[in-house]
Amino acid sequence: MEIHWVNGQYREDNRIFDSQFEVYEWTDSLYQDFSHRFFREENVGYATPDAKVIDCLTELIPQWAEYTNVNVTLHRDKIEVDGKDLYRIWISYSR
């Protein structure tokens, strides 16, 4: 399965946020990165060292998908890269 990872283009991608408000503001700003791929039915994901961001995206992505009238399956995992935890979330389509 090919996944388009939207992280890597923003300086905030590797940030650990201090407050839940900052987390929500950041994750909500990722809506465009996800939604324009919904319409093309591309698998899209995001990776971050901040588990709070993944938790927030777990709530927001289904809302975004419903708003754009698409059905997606949500996946999450945690991997280790260079001795540090990296949390990932991505969507796939049931075809």
PDB file of N, CA and C in Angstrom:
ATOM      1  N   MET A   1       0.849  -1.169   0.000  1.00  0.00           N
ATOM      2  CA  MET A   1       0.000   0.000   0.000  1.00  0.00           C
ATOM      3  C   MET A   1       0.898   1.237   0.000  1.00  0.00           C
ATOM      4  N   GLU A   2       0.692   2.097  -0.955  1.00  0.00           N
ATOM      5  CA  GLU A   2       1.446   3.344  -1.027  1.00  0.00           C
ATOM      6  C   GLU A   2       0.757   4.412  -0.180  1.00  0.00           C
ATOM      7  N   ILE A   3       1.527   5.082   0.646  1.00  0.00           N
ATOM      8  CA  ILE A   3       0.995   6.131   1.520  1.00  0.00           C
ATOM      9  C   ILE A   3       1.730   7.430   1.208  1.00  0.00           C
ATOM     10  N   HIS A   4       0.963   8.502   1.031  1.00  0.00           N
ATOM     11  CA  HIS A   4       1.556   9.827   0.869  1.00  0.00           C
ATOM     12  C   HIS A   4       1.667  10.443   2.264  1.00  0.00           C
ATOM     13  N   TRP A   5       2.895  10.601   2.754  1.00  0.00           N
ATOM     14  CA  TRP A   5       3.125  11.170   4.085  1.00  0.00           C
ATOM     15  C   TRP A   5       3.209  12.681   3.958  1.00  0.00           C
ATOM     16  N   VAL A   6       2.344  13.398   4.669  1.00  0.00           N
ATOM     17  CA  VAL A   6       2.321  14.852   4.577  1.00  0.00           C
ATOM     18  C   VAL A   6       3.332  15.510   5.509  1.00  0.00           C
ATOM     19  N   ASN A   7       3.922  14.754   6.433  1.00  0.00           N
ATOM     20  CA  ASN A   7       4.932  15.362   7.292  1.00  0.00           C
ATOM     21  C   ASN A   7       6.226  15.524   6.499  1.00  0.00           C
ATOM     22  N   GLY A   8       7.066  16.408   7.000  1.00  0.00           N
ATOM     23  CA  GLY A   8       8.324  16.675   6.327  1.00  0.00           C
ATOM     24  C   GLY A   8       8.333  17.988   5.579  1.00  0.00           C
ATOM     25  N   GLN A   9       7.182  18.604   5.473  1.00  0.00           N
ATOM     26  CA  GLN A   9       7.115  19.880   4.777  1.00  0.00           C
ATOM     27  C   GLN A   9       6.903  21.073   5.721  1.00  0.00           C
ATOM     28  N   TYR A  10       6.733  20.789   7.000  1.00  0.00           N
ATOM     29  CA  TYR A  10       6.498  21.850   7.972  1.00  0.00           C
ATOM     30  C   TYR A  10       7.517  21.755   9.099  1.00  0.00           C
ATOM     31  N   ARG A  11       7.934  22.895   9.630  1.00  0.00           N
ATOM     32  CA  ARG A  11       8.897  22.877  10.733  1.00  0.00           C
ATOM     33  C   ARG A  11       8.280  22.328  12.016  1.00  0.00           C
ATOM     34  N   GLU A  12       6.954  22.379  12.131  1.00  0.00           N
ATOM     35  CA  GLU A  12       6.265  21.873  13.318  1.00  0.00           C
ATOM     36  C   GLU A  12       6.195  20.350  13.361  1.00  0.00           C
ATOM     37  N   ASP A  13       6.566  19.683  12.282  1.00  0.00           N
ATOM     38  CA  ASP A  13       6.433  18.231  12.201  1.00  0.00           C
ATOM     39  C   ASP A  13       7.173  17.496  13.317  1.00  0.00           C
ATOM     40  N   ASN A  14       8.276  18.012  13.769  1.00  0.00           N
ATOM     41  CA  ASN A  14       9.069  17.344  14.806  1.00  0.00           C
ATOM     42  C   ASN A  14       8.910  17.970  16.181  1.00  0.00           C
ATOM     43  N   ARG A  15       7.935  18.825  16.317  1.00  0.00           N
ATOM     44  CA  ARG A  15       7.725  19.548  17.572  1.00  0.00           C
ATOM     45  C   ARG A  15       6.912  18.710  18.559  1.00  0.00           C
ATOM     46  N   ILE A  16       7.258  18.830  19.832  1.00  0.00           N
ATOM     47  CA  ILE A  16       6.442  18.299  20.926  1.00  0.00           C
ATOM     48  C   ILE A  16       5.697  19.505  21.489  1.00  0.00           C
ATOM     49  N   PHE A  17       4.393  19.509  21.343  1.00  0.00           N
ATOM     50  CA  PHE A  17       3.593  20.664  21.753  1.00  0.00           C
ATOM     51  C   PHE A  17       3.387  20.683  23.258  1.00  0.00           C
ATOM     52  N   ASP A  18       3.305  21.889  23.811  1.00  0.00           N
ATOM     53  CA  ASP A  18       3.172  22.072  25.253  1.00  0.00           C
ATOM     54  C   ASP A  18       1.742  21.890  25.754  1.00  0.00           C
ATOM     55  N   SER A  19       0.773  22.337  24.974  1.00  0.00           N
ATOM     56  CA  SER A  19      -0.608  22.310  25.458  1.00  0.00           C
ATOM     57  C   SER A  19      -1.522  21.612  24.464  1.00  0.00           C
ATOM     58  N   GLN A  20      -2.651  21.167  24.973  1.00  0.00           N
ATOM     59  CA  GLN A  20      -3.647  20.527  24.113  1.00  0.00           C
ATOM     60  C   GLN A  20      -4.205  21.532  23.111  1.00  0.00           C
ATOM     61  N   PHE A  21      -4.280  22.794  23.494  1.00  0.00           N
ATOM     62  CA  PHE A  21      -4.742  23.831  22.571  1.00  0.00           C
ATOM     63  C   PHE A  21      -3.813  23.916  21.359  1.00  0.00           C
ATOM     64  N   GLU A  22      -2.499  23.930  21.603  1.00  0.00           N
ATOM     65  CA  GLU A  22      -1.536  23.972  20.501  1.00  0.00           C
ATOM     66  C   GLU A  22      -1.658  22.738  19.616  1.00  0.00           C
ATOM     67  N   VAL A  23      -1.851  21.588  20.232  1.00  0.00           N
ATOM     68  CA  VAL A  23      -2.013  20.338  19.481  1.00  0.00           C
ATOM     69  C   VAL A  23      -3.224  20.444  18.560  1.00  0.00           C
ATOM     70  N   TYR A  24      -4.350  20.889  19.112  1.00  0.00           N
ATOM     71  CA  TYR A  24      -5.567  21.002  18.305  1.00  0.00           C
ATOM     72  C   TYR A  24      -5.384  21.997  17.164  1.00  0.00           C
ATOM     73  N   GLU A  25      -4.809  23.133  17.459  1.00  0.00           N
ATOM     74  CA  GLU A  25      -4.595  24.145  16.412  1.00  0.00           C
ATOM     75  C   GLU A  25      -3.720  23.580  15.297  1.00  0.00           C
ATOM     76  N   TRP A  26      -2.670  22.860  15.658  1.00  0.00           N
ATOM     77  CA  TRP A  26      -1.778  22.292  14.651  1.00  0.00           C
ATOM     78  C   TRP A  26      -2.486  21.208  13.841  1.00  0.00           C
ATOM     79  N   THR A  27      -3.120  20.273  14.529  1.00  0.00           N
ATOM     80  CA  THR A  27      -3.752  19.175  13.797  1.00  0.00           C
ATOM     81  C   THR A  27      -4.896  19.667  12.923  1.00  0.00           C
ATOM     82  N   ASP A  28      -5.645  20.627  13.407  1.00  0.00           N
ATOM     83  CA  ASP A  28      -6.737  21.184  12.601  1.00  0.00           C
ATOM     84  C   ASP A  28      -6.194  21.843  11.331  1.00  0.00           C
ATOM     85  N   SER A  29      -5.003  22.396  11.406  1.00  0.00           N
ATOM     86  CA  SER A  29      -4.409  23.048  10.231  1.00  0.00           C
ATOM     87  C   SER A  29      -4.001  22.025   9.160  1.00  0.00           C
ATOM     88  N   LEU A  30      -3.939  20.749   9.518  1.00  0.00           N
ATOM     89  CA  LEU A  30      -3.583  19.702   8.557  1.00  0.00           C
ATOM     90  C   LEU A  30      -4.770  19.247   7.708  1.00  0.00           C
ATOM     91  N   TYR A  31      -5.944  19.815   7.958  1.00  0.00           N
ATOM     92  CA  TYR A  31      -7.151  19.426   7.234  1.00  0.00           C
ATOM     93  C   TYR A  31      -6.939  19.443   5.720  1.00  0.00           C
ATOM     94  N   GLN A  32      -6.394  20.500   5.191  1.00  0.00           N
ATOM     95  CA  GLN A  32      -6.216  20.602   3.735  1.00  0.00           C
ATOM     96  C   GLN A  32      -5.302  19.511   3.200  1.00  0.00           C
ATOM     97  N   ASP A  33      -4.245  19.184   3.942  1.00  0.00           N
ATOM     98  CA  ASP A  33      -3.325  18.142   3.495  1.00  0.00           C
ATOM     99  C   ASP A  33      -4.030  16.796   3.352  1.00  0.00           C
ATOM    100  N   PHE A  34      -4.974  16.536   4.244  1.00  0.00           N
ATOM    101  CA  PHE A  34      -5.715  15.288   4.181  1.00  0.00           C
ATOM    102  C   PHE A  34      -6.887  15.381   3.206  1.00  0.00           C
ATOM    103  N   SER A  35      -7.671  16.442   3.291  1.00  0.00           N
ATOM    104  CA  SER A  35      -8.936  16.484   2.544  1.00  0.00           C
ATOM    105  C   SER A  35      -8.744  16.493   1.037  1.00  0.00           C
ATOM    106  N   HIS A  36      -7.750  17.188   0.517  1.00  0.00           N
ATOM    107  CA  HIS A  36      -7.626  17.196  -0.948  1.00  0.00           C
ATOM    108  C   HIS A  36      -7.199  15.825  -1.464  1.00  0.00           C
ATOM    109  N   ARG A  37      -6.635  14.986  -0.623  1.00  0.00           N
ATOM    110  CA  ARG A  37      -6.298  13.615  -1.022  1.00  0.00           C
ATOM    111  C   ARG A  37      -7.499  12.682  -0.869  1.00  0.00           C
ATOM    112  N   PHE A  38      -8.453  13.039  -0.004  1.00  0.00           N
ATOM    113  CA  PHE A  38      -9.680  12.252   0.123  1.00  0.00           C
ATOM    114  C   PHE A  38     -10.365  12.131  -1.237  1.00  0.00           C
ATOM    115  N   PHE A  39     -10.445  13.252  -1.942  1.00  0.00           N
ATOM    116  CA  PHE A  39     -11.177  13.273  -3.208  1.00  0.00           C
ATOM    117  C   PHE A  39     -10.495  12.441  -4.287  1.00  0.00           C
ATOM    118  N   ARG A  40      -9.200  12.268  -4.186  1.00  0.00           N
ATOM    119  CA  ARG A  40      -8.469  11.449  -5.151  1.00  0.00           C
ATOM    120  C   ARG A  40      -8.303  10.018  -4.651  1.00  0.00           C
ATOM    121  N   GLU A  41      -8.838   9.753  -3.473  1.00  0.00           N
ATOM    122  CA  GLU A  41      -8.747   8.444  -2.827  1.00  0.00           C
ATOM    123  C   GLU A  41      -7.305   7.968  -2.712  1.00  0.00           C
ATOM    124  N   GLU A  42      -6.444   8.866  -2.288  1.00  0.00           N
ATOM    125  CA  GLU A  42      -5.046   8.523  -2.024  1.00  0.00           C
ATOM    126  C   GLU A  42      -4.891   8.217  -0.541  1.00  0.00           C
ATOM    127  N   ASN A  43      -4.110   7.194  -0.235  1.00  0.00           N
ATOM    128  CA  ASN A  43      -3.791   6.902   1.158  1.00  0.00           C
ATOM    129  C   ASN A  43      -2.847   7.982   1.648  1.00  0.00           C
ATOM    130  N   VAL A  44      -3.182   8.600   2.747  1.00  0.00           N
ATOM    131  CA  VAL A  44      -2.399   9.717   3.265  1.00  0.00           C
ATOM    132  C   VAL A  44      -2.138   9.496   4.746  1.00  0.00           C
ATOM    133  N   GLY A  45      -0.951   9.941   5.200  1.00  0.00           N
ATOM    134  CA  GLY A  45      -0.597   9.744   6.597  1.00  0.00           C
ATOM    135  C   GLY A  45       0.248  10.879   7.142  1.00  0.00           C
ATOM    136  N   TYR A  46       0.453  10.811   8.451  1.00  0.00           N
ATOM    137  CA  TYR A  46       1.240  11.821   9.148  1.00  0.00           C
ATOM    138  C   TYR A  46       2.047  11.114  10.227  1.00  0.00           C
ATOM    139  N   ALA A  47       3.280  11.533  10.422  1.00  0.00           N
ATOM    140  CA  ALA A  47       4.157  10.968  11.447  1.00  0.00           C
ATOM    141  C   ALA A  47       4.725  12.097  12.295  1.00  0.00           C
ATOM    142  N   THR A  48       4.872  11.839  13.598  1.00  0.00           N
ATOM    143  CA  THR A  48       5.325  12.860  14.532  1.00  0.00           C
ATOM    144  C   THR A  48       5.891  12.207  15.788  1.00  0.00           C
ATOM    145  N   PRO A  49       6.796  12.882  16.478  1.00  0.00           N
ATOM    146  CA  PRO A  49       7.260  12.359  17.766  1.00  0.00           C
ATOM    147  C   PRO A  49       6.278  12.652  18.910  1.00  0.00           C
ATOM    148  N   ASP A  50       5.217  13.406  18.634  1.00  0.00           N
ATOM    149  CA  ASP A  50       4.262  13.814  19.662  1.00  0.00           C
ATOM    150  C   ASP A  50       2.995  12.955  19.584  1.00  0.00           C
ATOM    151  N   ALA A  51       2.833  12.040  20.527  1.00  0.00           N
ATOM    152  CA  ALA A  51       1.662  11.152  20.541  1.00  0.00           C
ATOM    153  C   ALA A  51       0.359  11.928  20.666  1.00  0.00           C
ATOM    154  N   LYS A  52       0.406  13.121  21.278  1.00  0.00           N
ATOM    155  CA  LYS A  52      -0.813  13.928  21.429  1.00  0.00           C
ATOM    156  C   LYS A  52      -1.379  14.330  20.063  1.00  0.00           C
ATOM    157  N   VAL A  53      -0.504  14.565  19.109  1.00  0.00           N
ATOM    158  CA  VAL A  53      -0.942  14.938  17.758  1.00  0.00           C
ATOM    159  C   VAL A  53      -1.688  13.763  17.120  1.00  0.00           C
ATOM    160  N   ILE A  54      -1.165  12.572  17.270  1.00  0.00           N
ATOM    161  CA  ILE A  54      -1.807  11.381  16.703  1.00  0.00           C
ATOM    162  C   ILE A  54      -3.158  11.138  17.374  1.00  0.00           C
ATOM    163  N   ASP A  55      -3.229  11.321  18.683  1.00  0.00           N
ATOM    164  CA  ASP A  55      -4.504  11.161  19.388  1.00  0.00           C
ATOM    165  C   ASP A  55      -5.545  12.142  18.862  1.00  0.00           C
ATOM    166  N   CYS A  56      -5.133  13.361  18.627  1.00  0.00           N
ATOM    167  CA  CYS A  56      -6.057  14.377  18.122  1.00  0.00           C
ATOM    168  C   CYS A  56      -6.472  14.062  16.678  1.00  0.00           C
ATOM    169  N   LEU A  57      -5.529  13.639  15.854  1.00  0.00           N
ATOM    170  CA  LEU A  57      -5.862  13.276  14.477  1.00  0.00           C
ATOM    171  C   LEU A  57      -6.788  12.062  14.433  1.00  0.00           C
ATOM    172  N   THR A  58      -6.680  11.181  15.419  1.00  0.00           N
ATOM    173  CA  THR A  58      -7.569  10.025  15.498  1.00  0.00           C
ATOM    174  C   THR A  58      -9.020  10.461  15.641  1.00  0.00           C
ATOM    175  N   GLU A  59      -9.239  11.579  16.297  1.00  0.00           N
ATOM    176  CA  GLU A  59     -10.589  12.127  16.431  1.00  0.00           C
ATOM    177  C   GLU A  59     -10.992  12.954  15.217  1.00  0.00           C
ATOM    178  N   LEU A  60     -10.059  13.734  14.673  1.00  0.00           N
ATOM    179  CA  LEU A  60     -10.402  14.657  13.588  1.00  0.00           C
ATOM    180  C   LEU A  60     -10.555  13.993  12.218  1.00  0.00           C
ATOM    181  N   ILE A  61      -9.701  13.051  11.881  1.00  0.00           N
ATOM    182  CA  ILE A  61      -9.736  12.468  10.541  1.00  0.00           C
ATOM    183  C   ILE A  61     -11.103  11.847  10.210  1.00  0.00           C
ATOM    184  N   PRO A  62     -11.714  11.070  11.103  1.00  0.00           N
ATOM    185  CA  PRO A  62     -13.053  10.551  10.772  1.00  0.00           C
ATOM    186  C   PRO A  62     -14.085  11.667  10.563  1.00  0.00           C
ATOM    187  N   GLN A  63     -13.967  12.754  11.315  1.00  0.00           N
ATOM    188  CA  GLN A  63     -14.871  13.885  11.124  1.00  0.00           C
ATOM    189  C   GLN A  63     -14.648  14.524   9.754  1.00  0.00           C
ATOM    190  N   TRP A  64     -13.388  14.689   9.373  1.00  0.00           N
ATOM    191  CA  TRP A  64     -13.070  15.263   8.069  1.00  0.00           C
ATOM    192  C   TRP A  64     -13.577  14.368   6.947  1.00  0.00           C
ATOM    193  N   ALA A  65     -13.383  13.064   7.100  1.00  0.00           N
ATOM    194  CA  ALA A  65     -13.827  12.122   6.066  1.00  0.00           C
ATOM    195  C   ALA A  65     -15.348  12.160   5.931  1.00  0.00           C
ATOM    196  N   GLU A  66     -16.033  12.201   7.053  1.00  0.00           N
ATOM    197  CA  GLU A  66     -17.498  12.275   7.013  1.00  0.00           C
ATOM    198  C   GLU A  66     -17.941  13.572   6.357  1.00  0.00           C
ATOM    199  N   TYR A  67     -17.291  14.659   6.685  1.00  0.00           N
ATOM    200  CA  TYR A  67     -17.632  15.965   6.119  1.00  0.00           C
ATOM    201  C   TYR A  67     -17.476  15.968   4.595  1.00  0.00           C
ATOM    202  N   THR A  68     -16.460  15.260   4.104  1.00  0.00           N
ATOM    203  CA  THR A  68     -16.219  15.205   2.660  1.00  0.00           C
ATOM    204  C   THR A  68     -16.899  13.989   2.019  1.00  0.00           C
ATOM    205  N   ASN A  69     -17.664  13.242   2.833  1.00  0.00           N
ATOM    206  CA  ASN A  69     -18.469  12.128   2.353  1.00  0.00           C
ATOM    207  C   ASN A  69     -17.633  11.000   1.738  1.00  0.00           C
ATOM    208  N   VAL A  70     -16.563  10.613   2.428  1.00  0.00           N
ATOM    209  CA  VAL A  70     -15.755   9.471   2.016  1.00  0.00           C
ATOM    210  C   VAL A  70     -15.634   8.501   3.186  1.00  0.00           C
ATOM    211  N   ASN A  71     -15.436   7.238   2.865  1.00  0.00           N
ATOM    212  CA  ASN A  71     -15.239   6.204   3.881  1.00  0.00           C
ATOM    213  C   ASN A  71     -13.773   5.809   3.894  1.00  0.00           C
ATOM    214  N   VAL A  72     -13.167   5.927   5.042  1.00  0.00           N
ATOM    215  CA  VAL A  72     -11.755   5.575   5.176  1.00  0.00           C
ATOM    216  C   VAL A  72     -11.577   4.651   6.368  1.00  0.00           C
ATOM    217  N   THR A  73     -10.488   3.909   6.329  1.00  0.00           N
ATOM    218  CA  THR A  73     -10.074   3.096   7.464  1.00  0.00           C
ATOM    219  C   THR A  73      -8.849   3.758   8.067  1.00  0.00           C
ATOM    220  N   LEU A  74      -8.849   3.913   9.365  1.00  0.00           N
ATOM    221  CA  LEU A  74      -7.776   4.587  10.083  1.00  0.00           C
ATOM    222  C   LEU A  74      -6.790   3.559  10.631  1.00  0.00           C
ATOM    223  N   HIS A  75      -5.490   3.845  10.483  1.00  0.00           N
ATOM    224  CA  HIS A  75      -4.436   2.971  10.996  1.00  0.00           C
ATOM    225  C   HIS A  75      -3.486   3.819  11.841  1.00  0.00           C
ATOM    226  N   ARG A  76      -2.933   3.197  12.889  1.00  0.00           N
ATOM    227  CA  ARG A  76      -1.953   3.869  13.754  1.00  0.00           C
ATOM    228  C   ARG A  76      -0.873   2.884  14.123  1.00  0.00           C
ATOM    229  N   ASP A  77       0.327   3.415  14.319  1.00  0.00           N
ATOM    230  CA  ASP A  77       1.380   2.588  14.888  1.00  0.00           C
ATOM    231  C   ASP A  77       2.455   3.473  15.491  1.00  0.00           C
ATOM    232  N   LYS A  78       3.434   2.825  16.102  1.00  0.00           N
ATOM    233  CA  LYS A  78       4.582   3.523  16.672  1.00  0.00           C
ATOM    234  C   LYS A  78       5.806   2.753  16.212  1.00  0.00           C
ATOM    235  N   ILE A  79       6.773   3.497  15.677  1.00  0.00           N
ATOM    236  CA  ILE A  79       8.019   2.885  15.246  1.00  0.00           C
ATOM    237  C   ILE A  79       9.172   3.618  15.917  1.00  0.00           C
ATOM    238  N   GLU A  80      10.338   3.027  15.873  1.00  0.00           N
ATOM    239  CA  GLU A  80      11.526   3.677  16.419  1.00  0.00           C
ATOM    240  C   GLU A  80      12.437   4.066  15.260  1.00  0.00           C
ATOM    241  N   VAL A  81      12.835   5.329  15.270  1.00  0.00           N
ATOM    242  CA  VAL A  81      13.747   5.847  14.250  1.00  0.00           C
ATOM    243  C   VAL A  81      14.895   6.549  14.963  1.00  0.00           C
ATOM    244  N   ASP A  82      16.100   6.093  14.719  1.00  0.00           N
ATOM    245  CA  ASP A  82      17.289   6.663  15.365  1.00  0.00           C
ATOM    246  C   ASP A  82      17.154   6.724  16.888  1.00  0.00           C
ATOM    247  N   GLY A  83      16.576   5.692  17.469  1.00  0.00           N
ATOM    248  CA  GLY A  83      16.441   5.597  18.920  1.00  0.00           C
ATOM    249  C   GLY A  83      15.312   6.421  19.515  1.00  0.00           C
ATOM    250  N   LYS A  84      14.480   7.026  18.673  1.00  0.00           N
ATOM    251  CA  LYS A  84      13.369   7.848  19.161  1.00  0.00           C
ATOM    252  C   LYS A  84      12.053   7.293  18.633  1.00  0.00           C
ATOM    253  N   ASP A  85      11.006   7.408  19.463  1.00  0.00           N
ATOM    254  CA  ASP A  85       9.680   6.956  19.049  1.00  0.00           C
ATOM    255  C   ASP A  85       9.091   7.923  18.029  1.00  0.00           C
ATOM    256  N   LEU A  86       8.462   7.357  17.023  1.00  0.00           N
ATOM    257  CA  LEU A  86       7.761   8.129  16.002  1.00  0.00           C
ATOM    258  C   LEU A  86       6.368   7.518  15.874  1.00  0.00           C
ATOM    259  N   TYR A  87       5.362   8.334  16.084  1.00  0.00           N
ATOM    260  CA  TYR A  87       3.971   7.895  16.030  1.00  0.00           C
ATOM    261  C   TYR A  87       3.421   8.219  14.651  1.00  0.00           C
ATOM    262  N   ARG A  88       2.677   7.259  14.070  1.00  0.00           N
ATOM    263  CA  ARG A  88       2.157   7.449  12.726  1.00  0.00           C
ATOM    264  C   ARG A  88       0.664   7.151  12.675  1.00  0.00           C
ATOM    265  N   ILE A  89      -0.001   7.865  11.792  1.00  0.00           N
ATOM    266  CA  ILE A  89      -1.410   7.622  11.517  1.00  0.00           C
ATOM    267  C   ILE A  89      -1.597   7.746  10.018  1.00  0.00           C
ATOM    268  N   TRP A  90      -2.428   6.878   9.448  1.00  0.00           N
ATOM    269  CA  TRP A  90      -2.698   6.974   8.015  1.00  0.00           C
ATOM    270  C   TRP A  90      -4.069   6.385   7.719  1.00  0.00           C
ATOM    271  N   ILE A  91      -4.577   6.728   6.552  1.00  0.00           N
ATOM    272  CA  ILE A  91      -5.875   6.237   6.125  1.00  0.00           C
ATOM    273  C   ILE A  91      -5.704   5.346   4.912  1.00  0.00           C
ATOM    274  N   SER A  92      -6.661   4.443   4.742  1.00  0.00           N
ATOM    275  CA  SER A  92      -6.747   3.649   3.529  1.00  0.00           C
ATOM    276  C   SER A  92      -8.210   3.583   3.131  1.00  0.00           C
ATOM    277  N   TYR A  93      -8.441   3.191   1.909  1.00  0.00           N
ATOM    278  CA  TYR A  93      -9.782   3.100   1.360  1.00  0.00           C
ATOM    279  C   TYR A  93     -10.171   1.653   1.164  1.00  0.00           C
ATOM    280  N   SER A  94     -11.406   1.356   1.457  1.00  0.00           N
ATOM    281  CA  SER A  94     -11.939   0.023   1.153  1.00  0.00           C
ATOM    282  C   SER A  94     -12.496   0.099  -0.265  1.00  0.00           C
ATOM    283  N   ARG A  95     -11.871  -0.599  -1.144  1.00  0.00           N
ATOM    284  CA  ARG A  95     -12.285  -0.527  -2.560  1.00  0.00           C
ATOM    285  C   ARG A  95     -13.072  -1.757  -2.933  1.00  0.00           C
TER     286      ARG A  95
END
